[in-house]
């Protein structure tokens, strides 16, 4: 079976201000995943499969207006979505057709959020047993230390425009895959060299 890379981008409940009922800003312990944006890709950025899994939050089930405006995910969508444990099973079933060597995200937030969810729900997607790769960190290596490294800025550095809606998990994950040609394969757990049909800056 061919080896692949799993890219994950989470969206979660969030607030523009203090957490409802608490006199402080949010942490990953307060937030709940409302979307798994998942992409299976080859190291050259070719997308083999992509899936969005919406999740119904239970701790604070009412999405804030800020959260909906940021992600585009509506209250109606999450209200009919499965709960976290059921979505974990769905993600595992979907990913069973592939053999990722690692899972990756843009930064470490997604890993920390999934660790918090494991504590809350007592379960985690099977891919959490794989090595995690911070694509933001890997992309920055060899580039100017002070260069902006947000996902949109990284795309712009290579002359690419963001495709889809920023802060929607599935779209963010797809756009991360477009940056794989500029991330050395060996840093992702692959032996072959970086593949790219586009000249690098």
C-alpha atoms as a PDB file:
ATOM      1  CA  UNK A   1       0.000   0.000   0.000  1.00  0.00           C
ATOM      2  CA  UNK A   2       1.314   3.442  -0.929  1.00  0.00           C
ATOM      3  CA  UNK A   3       2.288   5.695   1.961  1.00  0.00           C
ATOM      4  CA  UNK A   4       0.452   8.973   2.383  1.00  0.00           C
ATOM      5  CA  UNK A   5       0.318  12.101   4.504  1.00  0.00           C
ATOM      6  CA  UNK A   6      -2.766  13.115   6.492  1.00  0.00           C
ATOM      7  CA  UNK A   7      -3.370  16.855   6.858  1.00  0.00           C
ATOM      8  CA  UNK A   8      -5.801  17.904   9.577  1.00  0.00           C
ATOM      9  CA  UNK A   9      -7.281  21.304  10.283  1.00  0.00           C
ATOM     10  CA  UNK A  10      -9.717  21.701  13.157  1.00  0.00           C
ATOM     11  CA  UNK A  11     -12.335  24.349  13.720  1.00  0.00           C
ATOM     12  CA  UNK A  12     -13.653  24.771  17.250  1.00  0.00           C
ATOM     13  CA  UNK A  13     -16.069  26.808  19.329  1.00  0.00           C
ATOM     14  CA  UNK A  14     -14.625  30.254  20.027  1.00  0.00           C
ATOM     15  CA  UNK A  15     -15.596  33.664  21.336  1.00  0.00           C
ATOM     16  CA  UNK A  16     -14.543  37.240  20.679  1.00  0.00           C
ATOM     17  CA  UNK A  17     -14.056  38.016  24.360  1.00  0.00           C
ATOM     18  CA  UNK A  18     -14.506  36.041  27.563  1.00  0.00           C
ATOM     19  CA  UNK A  19     -15.905  32.516  27.582  1.00  0.00           C
ATOM     20  CA  UNK A  20     -19.631  32.622  28.471  1.00  0.00           C
ATOM     21  CA  UNK A  21     -19.974  32.217  32.229  1.00  0.00           C
ATOM     22  CA  UNK A  22     -16.249  32.676  32.836  1.00  0.00           C
ATOM     23  CA  UNK A  23     -14.283  35.840  33.473  1.00  0.00           C
ATOM     24  CA  UNK A  24     -11.384  34.956  31.204  1.00  0.00           C
ATOM     25  CA  UNK A  25     -10.350  34.278  27.646  1.00  0.00           C
ATOM     26  CA  UNK A  26     -10.705  30.849  26.072  1.00  0.00           C
ATOM     27  CA  UNK A  27      -8.255  27.952  26.282  1.00  0.00           C
ATOM     28  CA  UNK A  28      -8.310  24.621  24.442  1.00  0.00           C
ATOM     29  CA  UNK A  29     -10.047  23.173  27.510  1.00  0.00           C
ATOM     30  CA  UNK A  30     -13.010  25.511  26.889  1.00  0.00           C
ATOM     31  CA  UNK A  31     -13.161  24.993  23.133  1.00  0.00           C
ATOM     32  CA  UNK A  32     -14.811  22.031  21.396  1.00  0.00           C
ATOM     33  CA  UNK A  33     -14.060  20.743  17.911  1.00  0.00           C
ATOM     34  CA  UNK A  34     -16.852  21.504  15.454  1.00  0.00           C
ATOM     35  CA  UNK A  35     -15.057  20.378  12.286  1.00  0.00           C
ATOM     36  CA  UNK A  36     -12.343  17.958  11.272  1.00  0.00           C
ATOM     37  CA  UNK A  37     -11.013  19.090   7.896  1.00  0.00           C
ATOM     38  CA  UNK A  38      -9.023  16.106   6.602  1.00  0.00           C
ATOM     39  CA  UNK A  39      -6.948  15.678   3.463  1.00  0.00           C
ATOM     40  CA  UNK A  40      -4.978  12.623   2.368  1.00  0.00           C
ATOM     41  CA  UNK A  41      -2.134  13.749   0.126  1.00  0.00           C
ATOM     42  CA  UNK A  42       1.027  12.574  -1.538  1.00  0.00           C
ATOM     43  CA  UNK A  43       4.263  14.366  -0.596  1.00  0.00           C
ATOM     44  CA  UNK A  44       4.166  16.375  -3.833  1.00  0.00           C
ATOM     45  CA  UNK A  45       0.854  17.922  -2.774  1.00  0.00           C
ATOM     46  CA  UNK A  46      -1.452  15.732  -4.862  1.00  0.00           C
ATOM     47  CA  UNK A  47      -4.744  15.389  -2.982  1.00  0.00           C
ATOM     48  CA  UNK A  48      -6.073  11.833  -3.029  1.00  0.00           C
ATOM     49  CA  UNK A  49      -9.072  12.331  -0.783  1.00  0.00           C
ATOM     50  CA  UNK A  50     -10.633  15.080   1.316  1.00  0.00           C
ATOM     51  CA  UNK A  51     -13.449  15.055   3.825  1.00  0.00           C
ATOM     52  CA  UNK A  52     -15.117  17.466   6.231  1.00  0.00           C
ATOM     53  CA  UNK A  53     -16.556  15.983   9.425  1.00  0.00           C
ATOM     54  CA  UNK A  54     -18.811  18.309  11.410  1.00  0.00           C
ATOM     55  CA  UNK A  55     -19.176  17.798  15.168  1.00  0.00           C
ATOM     56  CA  UNK A  56     -21.960  18.791  17.575  1.00  0.00           C
ATOM     57  CA  UNK A  57     -20.552  20.592  20.630  1.00  0.00           C
ATOM     58  CA  UNK A  58     -22.072  19.643  23.984  1.00  0.00           C
ATOM     59  CA  UNK A  59     -20.284  21.712  26.638  1.00  0.00           C
ATOM     60  CA  UNK A  60     -21.441  25.006  25.108  1.00  0.00           C
ATOM     61  CA  UNK A  61     -23.707  23.923  22.243  1.00  0.00           C
ATOM     62  CA  UNK A  62     -24.653  27.438  21.106  1.00  0.00           C
ATOM     63  CA  UNK A  63     -22.135  28.811  18.613  1.00  0.00           C
ATOM     64  CA  UNK A  64     -21.155  32.420  19.071  1.00  0.00           C
ATOM     65  CA  UNK A  65     -21.823  34.889  16.285  1.00  0.00           C
ATOM     66  CA  UNK A  66     -18.049  35.380  16.118  1.00  0.00           C
ATOM     67  CA  UNK A  67     -17.486  31.641  15.584  1.00  0.00           C
ATOM     68  CA  UNK A  68     -20.032  31.429  12.779  1.00  0.00           C
ATOM     69  CA  UNK A  69     -18.662  34.552  11.109  1.00  0.00           C
ATOM     70  CA  UNK A  70     -15.102  33.216  11.343  1.00  0.00           C
ATOM     71  CA  UNK A  71     -15.713  29.674  10.115  1.00  0.00           C
ATOM     72  CA  UNK A  72     -18.949  29.895   8.148  1.00  0.00           C
ATOM     73  CA  UNK A  73     -20.246  26.920  10.148  1.00  0.00           C
ATOM     74  CA  UNK A  74     -23.818  27.532  11.299  1.00  0.00           C
ATOM     75  CA  UNK A  75     -25.777  26.524  14.371  1.00  0.00           C
ATOM     76  CA  UNK A  76     -28.123  24.512  12.164  1.00  0.00           C
ATOM     77  CA  UNK A  77     -25.210  22.496  10.764  1.00  0.00           C
ATOM     78  CA  UNK A  78     -23.718  21.516  14.121  1.00  0.00           C
ATOM     79  CA  UNK A  79     -27.127  20.895  15.695  1.00  0.00           C
ATOM     80  CA  UNK A  80     -27.662  17.886  13.419  1.00  0.00           C
ATOM     81  CA  UNK A  81     -24.035  16.700  13.416  1.00  0.00           C
ATOM     82  CA  UNK A  82     -22.863  13.645  15.373  1.00  0.00           C
ATOM     83  CA  UNK A  83     -21.179  14.066  18.745  1.00  0.00           C
ATOM     84  CA  UNK A  84     -17.396  13.868  19.082  1.00  0.00           C
ATOM     85  CA  UNK A  85     -17.043  10.151  19.839  1.00  0.00           C
ATOM     86  CA  UNK A  86     -19.154   9.234  16.806  1.00  0.00           C
ATOM     87  CA  UNK A  87     -17.130  11.525  14.557  1.00  0.00           C
ATOM     88  CA  UNK A  88     -13.883   9.960  15.779  1.00  0.00           C
ATOM     89  CA  UNK A  89     -15.217   6.587  14.645  1.00  0.00           C
ATOM     90  CA  UNK A  90     -16.201   8.065  11.272  1.00  0.00           C
ATOM     91  CA  UNK A  91     -12.748   9.589  10.783  1.00  0.00           C
ATOM     92  CA  UNK A  92     -11.094   6.277  11.639  1.00  0.00           C
ATOM     93  CA  UNK A  93     -13.329   4.386   9.194  1.00  0.00           C
ATOM     94  CA  UNK A  94     -12.645   6.881   6.400  1.00  0.00           C
ATOM     95  CA  UNK A  95      -8.894   6.804   6.950  1.00  0.00           C
ATOM     96  CA  UNK A  96      -8.726   2.988   7.019  1.00  0.00           C
ATOM     97  CA  UNK A  97      -8.385   2.964   3.222  1.00  0.00           C
ATOM     98  CA  UNK A  98      -5.033   4.758   3.482  1.00  0.00           C
ATOM     99  CA  UNK A  99      -1.719   4.315   5.238  1.00  0.00           C
ATOM    100  CA  UNK A 100      -0.445   7.722   6.381  1.00  0.00           C
ATOM    101  CA  UNK A 101       3.094   7.849   7.700  1.00  0.00           C
ATOM    102  CA  UNK A 102       2.247  10.892   9.810  1.00  0.00           C
ATOM    103  CA  UNK A 103      -0.391  13.519  10.361  1.00  0.00           C
ATOM    104  CA  UNK A 104       0.266  17.215   9.960  1.00  0.00           C
ATOM    105  CA  UNK A 105      -1.258  20.579  10.775  1.00  0.00           C
ATOM    106  CA  UNK A 106      -0.348  24.240  10.422  1.00  0.00           C
ATOM    107  CA  UNK A 107       1.116  24.839  13.867  1.00  0.00           C
ATOM    108  CA  UNK A 108       0.568  22.875  17.074  1.00  0.00           C
ATOM    109  CA  UNK A 109      -2.920  24.080  18.030  1.00  0.00           C
ATOM    110  CA  UNK A 110      -4.678  21.094  16.451  1.00  0.00           C
ATOM    111  CA  UNK A 111      -2.554  18.602  18.394  1.00  0.00           C
ATOM    112  CA  UNK A 112      -3.195  20.420  21.673  1.00  0.00           C
ATOM    113  CA  UNK A 113      -6.939  20.621  20.976  1.00  0.00           C
ATOM    114  CA  UNK A 114      -7.125  16.891  20.278  1.00  0.00           C
ATOM    115  CA  UNK A 115      -5.231  16.183  23.503  1.00  0.00           C
ATOM    116  CA  UNK A 116      -7.828  18.253  25.392  1.00  0.00           C
ATOM    117  CA  UNK A 117     -10.660  16.411  23.637  1.00  0.00           C
ATOM    118  CA  UNK A 118      -9.101  13.088  24.651  1.00  0.00           C
ATOM    119  CA  UNK A 119      -9.285  14.216  28.258  1.00  0.00           C
ATOM    120  CA  UNK A 120     -12.930  15.293  27.883  1.00  0.00           C
ATOM    121  CA  UNK A 121     -14.231  12.357  25.889  1.00  0.00           C
ATOM    122  CA  UNK A 122     -11.859   9.494  26.652  1.00  0.00           C
ATOM    123  CA  UNK A 123     -11.225   8.831  22.979  1.00  0.00           C
ATOM    124  CA  UNK A 124      -9.070  10.096  20.135  1.00  0.00           C
ATOM    125  CA  UNK A 125      -8.804   9.435  16.399  1.00  0.00           C
ATOM    126  CA  UNK A 126      -6.404   6.633  15.526  1.00  0.00           C
ATOM    127  CA  UNK A 127      -4.129   9.016  13.619  1.00  0.00           C
ATOM    128  CA  UNK A 128      -3.090  10.512  16.961  1.00  0.00           C
ATOM    129  CA  UNK A 129      -0.862   7.450  17.314  1.00  0.00           C
ATOM    130  CA  UNK A 130       1.190   8.628  14.319  1.00  0.00           C
ATOM    131  CA  UNK A 131       4.010  11.184  14.426  1.00  0.00           C
ATOM    132  CA  UNK A 132       2.781  14.763  14.202  1.00  0.00           C
ATOM    133  CA  UNK A 133       4.393  17.282  11.833  1.00  0.00           C
ATOM    134  CA  UNK A 134       4.101  21.039  12.239  1.00  0.00           C
ATOM    135  CA  UNK A 135       3.866  22.233   8.637  1.00  0.00           C
ATOM    136  CA  UNK A 136       4.220  25.879   9.618  1.00  0.00           C
ATOM    137  CA  UNK A 137       7.527  25.172  11.338  1.00  0.00           C
ATOM    138  CA  UNK A 138       8.787  22.975   8.516  1.00  0.00           C
ATOM    139  CA  UNK A 139       7.840  25.562   5.903  1.00  0.00           C
ATOM    140  CA  UNK A 140       9.691  28.297   7.792  1.00  0.00           C
ATOM    141  CA  UNK A 141      12.956  26.326   7.919  1.00  0.00           C
ATOM    142  CA  UNK A 142      15.508  27.893   5.603  1.00  0.00           C
ATOM    143  CA  UNK A 143      13.427  31.030   5.151  1.00  0.00           C
ATOM    144  CA  UNK A 144      13.785  34.401   6.825  1.00  0.00           C
ATOM    145  CA  UNK A 145      13.157  34.027  10.555  1.00  0.00           C
ATOM    146  CA  UNK A 146      10.891  37.066  10.659  1.00  0.00           C
ATOM    147  CA  UNK A 147       8.881  36.152   7.577  1.00  0.00           C
ATOM    148  CA  UNK A 148       5.133  35.984   8.179  1.00  0.00           C
ATOM    149  CA  UNK A 149       4.148  32.346   8.366  1.00  0.00           C
ATOM    150  CA  UNK A 150       0.358  32.358   8.464  1.00  0.00           C
ATOM    151  CA  UNK A 151      -1.191  30.024   5.925  1.00  0.00           C
ATOM    152  CA  UNK A 152      -2.297  32.820   3.603  1.00  0.00           C
ATOM    153  CA  UNK A 153       1.108  34.528   3.836  1.00  0.00           C
ATOM    154  CA  UNK A 154       2.909  31.264   3.047  1.00  0.00           C
ATOM    155  CA  UNK A 155       0.764  30.757  -0.043  1.00  0.00           C
ATOM    156  CA  UNK A 156       1.365  34.347  -1.147  1.00  0.00           C
ATOM    157  CA  UNK A 157       5.117  33.828  -0.781  1.00  0.00           C
ATOM    158  CA  UNK A 158       4.853  31.271  -3.595  1.00  0.00           C
ATOM    159  CA  UNK A 159       2.503  33.397  -5.677  1.00  0.00           C
ATOM    160  CA  UNK A 160      -0.585  31.408  -4.709  1.00  0.00           C
ATOM    161  CA  UNK A 161      -3.961  32.779  -3.661  1.00  0.00           C
ATOM    162  CA  UNK A 162      -5.975  31.075  -0.941  1.00  0.00           C
ATOM    163  CA  UNK A 163      -8.675  28.851  -2.420  1.00  0.00           C
ATOM    164  CA  UNK A 164     -11.983  28.563  -0.583  1.00  0.00           C
ATOM    165  CA  UNK A 165     -12.818  30.058   2.809  1.00  0.00           C
ATOM    166  CA  UNK A 166     -10.071  30.737   5.333  1.00  0.00           C
ATOM    167  CA  UNK A 167     -10.839  29.242   8.769  1.00  0.00           C
ATOM    168  CA  UNK A 168     -12.997  26.509   7.283  1.00  0.00           C
ATOM    169  CA  UNK A 169     -11.205  23.272   8.154  1.00  0.00           C
ATOM    170  CA  UNK A 170     -11.507  21.450   4.853  1.00  0.00           C
ATOM    171  CA  UNK A 171     -10.412  24.488   2.838  1.00  0.00           C
ATOM    172  CA  UNK A 172      -7.470  25.217   5.137  1.00  0.00           C
ATOM    173  CA  UNK A 173      -6.340  21.590   4.865  1.00  0.00           C
ATOM    174  CA  UNK A 174      -6.552  21.643   1.071  1.00  0.00           C
ATOM    175  CA  UNK A 175      -4.474  24.806   0.947  1.00  0.00           C
ATOM    176  CA  UNK A 176      -1.841  23.262   3.212  1.00  0.00           C
ATOM    177  CA  UNK A 177      -1.499  20.442   0.702  1.00  0.00           C
ATOM    178  CA  UNK A 178      -0.662  23.035  -1.956  1.00  0.00           C
ATOM    179  CA  UNK A 179       2.422  24.005   0.078  1.00  0.00           C
ATOM    180  CA  UNK A 180       3.841  20.483   0.322  1.00  0.00           C
ATOM    181  CA  UNK A 181       6.075  20.912  -2.761  1.00  0.00           C
ATOM    182  CA  UNK A 182       8.155  23.373  -0.713  1.00  0.00           C
ATOM    183  CA  UNK A 183       8.534  21.135   2.332  1.00  0.00           C
ATOM    184  CA  UNK A 184      11.304  18.506   2.095  1.00  0.00           C
ATOM    185  CA  UNK A 185       9.842  15.005   2.002  1.00  0.00           C
ATOM    186  CA  UNK A 186      12.372  13.616   4.455  1.00  0.00           C
ATOM    187  CA  UNK A 187      11.052  15.975   7.157  1.00  0.00           C
ATOM    188  CA  UNK A 188       7.624  14.387   6.681  1.00  0.00           C
ATOM    189  CA  UNK A 189       8.864  10.816   7.000  1.00  0.00           C
ATOM    190  CA  UNK A 190       9.290  10.092   3.285  1.00  0.00           C
ATOM    191  CA  UNK A 191      12.598   9.052   1.740  1.00  0.00           C
ATOM    192  CA  UNK A 192      12.205  10.653  -1.667  1.00  0.00           C
ATOM    193  CA  UNK A 193      13.287  14.215  -2.304  1.00  0.00           C
ATOM    194  CA  UNK A 194      10.948  17.183  -2.532  1.00  0.00           C
ATOM    195  CA  UNK A 195       8.790  17.043  -5.666  1.00  0.00           C
ATOM    196  CA  UNK A 196       7.620  20.218  -7.332  1.00  0.00           C
ATOM    197  CA  UNK A 197       6.588  21.285 -10.782  1.00  0.00           C
ATOM    198  CA  UNK A 198       6.811  24.919  -9.695  1.00  0.00           C
ATOM    199  CA  UNK A 199      10.068  26.786  -9.274  1.00  0.00           C
ATOM    200  CA  UNK A 200      10.792  27.672  -5.660  1.00  0.00           C
ATOM    201  CA  UNK A 201      11.575  31.155  -4.388  1.00  0.00           C
END
